[in-house]
Amino acid sequence: MKAIATVLIVMQLAACANIYEEHYNYRDGWRKGRVVQVATREQLSLRPDSDCTKGASADQQLALVSHAGAGSPVSHHVVLIPKNESFSAGDLIYVNIAHCDEPLVHRNAE
């Protein structure tokens, strides 16, 4: 009975991993990250490794996010925060570093 329960739990966890893979696939540019700062461009505390804020107005809220980078332990990326969305420093997110038109997505702790 315990063996069956264990198999069911493993299958359920594998299904959750597949959901992540389908919607926020690493090969499509999605990375797990964390919001470091929400600010206007002038208020940003550090220079990002990549920037997806072309055309942002001076008062547009931006999110500086950190994520595991290729070849470095942490990379920083800055993206626009849509006016109808809310993000705060410390929020766990998915960020697409390959396609600037993809918005940040909230994610749950693992």
Protein backbone atom coordinates (compact mmCIF):
# COMPACT_ATOMS: atom_id res chain seq x y z
CA MET A 1 0.00 0.00 0.00
CA LYS A 2 2.87 2.37 0.84
CA ALA A 3 4.52 1.54 -2.47
CA ILE A 4 1.38 2.51 -4.39
CA ALA A 5 1.10 5.79 -2.47
CA THR A 6 4.75 6.56 -3.17
CA VAL A 7 4.32 5.89 -6.90
CA LEU A 8 1.24 8.14 -7.01
CA ILE A 9 3.09 10.96 -5.26
CA VAL A 10 6.05 10.70 -7.65
CA MET A 11 3.70 10.72 -10.65
CA GLN A 12 1.91 13.79 -9.30
CA LEU A 13 5.19 15.65 -8.80
CA ALA A 14 6.30 14.74 -12.31
CA ALA A 15 3.05 16.14 -13.69
CA CYS A 16 3.71 19.45 -11.88
CA ALA A 17 7.18 19.62 -13.40
CA ASN A 18 5.67 19.06 -16.86
CA ILE A 19 3.26 21.96 -16.38
CA TYR A 20 6.23 24.25 -15.71
CA GLU A 21 8.04 22.86 -18.75
CA GLU A 22 5.04 23.40 -21.03
CA HIS A 23 4.29 27.00 -20.10
CA TYR A 24 7.63 28.44 -18.97
CA ASN A 25 10.13 26.39 -20.92
CA TYR A 26 13.82 27.15 -20.36
CA ARG A 27 14.54 26.72 -24.09
CA ASP A 28 11.99 29.45 -24.84
CA GLY A 29 13.86 31.92 -22.61
CA TRP A 30 11.95 31.48 -19.33
CA ARG A 31 13.94 31.64 -16.10
CA LYS A 32 12.95 31.33 -12.47
CA GLY A 33 13.86 34.49 -10.64
CA ARG A 34 13.14 36.96 -7.89
CA VAL A 35 12.21 40.64 -7.99
CA VAL A 36 15.10 42.64 -6.53
CA GLN A 37 13.64 46.12 -6.90
CA VAL A 38 10.57 47.91 -8.26
CA ALA A 39 11.48 51.45 -9.37
CA THR A 40 11.63 53.97 -12.18
CA ARG A 41 14.73 53.91 -14.40
CA GLU A 42 16.39 56.73 -12.43
CA GLN A 43 15.84 54.88 -9.15
CA LEU A 44 17.36 51.54 -10.20
CA SER A 45 20.09 50.54 -7.77
CA LEU A 46 22.29 48.69 -10.26
CA ARG A 47 22.82 48.29 -13.96
CA PRO A 48 21.15 45.16 -15.37
CA ASP A 49 22.85 42.61 -17.63
CA SER A 50 19.91 42.92 -20.03
CA ASP A 51 17.13 45.45 -20.49
CA CYS A 52 13.60 45.00 -21.87
CA THR A 53 12.33 48.52 -21.17
CA LYS A 54 12.74 50.23 -24.55
CA GLY A 55 10.16 52.97 -24.88
CA ALA A 56 9.40 53.19 -21.14
CA SER A 57 8.24 56.57 -19.89
CA ALA A 58 10.22 58.28 -17.10
CA ASP A 59 7.59 57.38 -14.50
CA GLN A 60 6.98 53.79 -15.70
CA GLN A 61 7.46 51.19 -12.97
CA LEU A 62 10.18 48.68 -13.79
CA ALA A 63 11.16 45.43 -12.13
CA LEU A 64 14.82 44.58 -11.65
CA VAL A 65 14.93 40.79 -11.36
CA SER A 66 17.70 38.34 -10.59
CA HIS A 67 17.93 34.88 -12.14
CA ALA A 68 20.52 32.17 -12.62
CA GLY A 69 22.61 33.16 -15.60
CA ALA A 70 24.58 31.11 -18.09
CA GLY A 71 28.20 31.21 -16.99
CA SER A 72 27.53 33.36 -13.92
CA PRO A 73 25.75 32.61 -10.66
CA VAL A 74 23.31 35.54 -11.00
CA SER A 75 22.21 37.80 -13.84
CA HIS A 76 20.00 40.87 -13.60
CA HIS A 77 17.28 41.74 -16.08
CA VAL A 78 14.97 44.75 -16.10
CA VAL A 79 11.41 44.60 -17.47
CA LEU A 80 8.34 46.80 -17.64
CA ILE A 81 5.61 46.20 -15.10
CA PRO A 82 2.21 46.38 -16.80
CA LYS A 83 -0.04 49.02 -15.25
CA ASN A 84 -2.59 46.41 -14.13
CA GLU A 85 0.03 44.22 -12.38
CA SER A 86 1.66 44.47 -8.98
CA PHE A 87 5.10 43.19 -8.04
CA SER A 88 7.24 43.82 -4.96
CA ALA A 89 10.86 43.18 -4.03
CA GLY A 90 11.22 39.56 -2.98
CA ASP A 91 8.42 38.21 -5.22
CA LEU A 92 9.21 34.92 -6.93
CA ILE A 93 8.68 35.18 -10.69
CA TYR A 94 9.22 33.68 -14.11
CA VAL A 95 10.96 36.07 -16.50
CA ASN A 96 11.53 35.58 -20.20
CA ILE A 97 15.01 36.81 -21.08
CA ALA A 98 14.65 36.01 -24.79
CA HIS A 99 11.35 37.75 -25.56
CA CYS A 100 10.79 41.22 -24.13
CA ASP A 101 7.09 41.16 -24.99
CA GLU A 102 6.45 38.40 -22.40
CA PRO A 103 5.34 39.87 -19.04
CA LEU A 104 6.63 38.78 -15.65
CA VAL A 105 4.63 35.94 -14.12
CA HIS A 106 4.20 35.35 -10.39
CA ARG A 107 5.31 31.89 -9.24
CA ASN A 108 4.93 29.90 -6.04
CA ALA A 109 7.80 28.74 -3.86
CA GLU A 110 8.88 25.19 -4.60
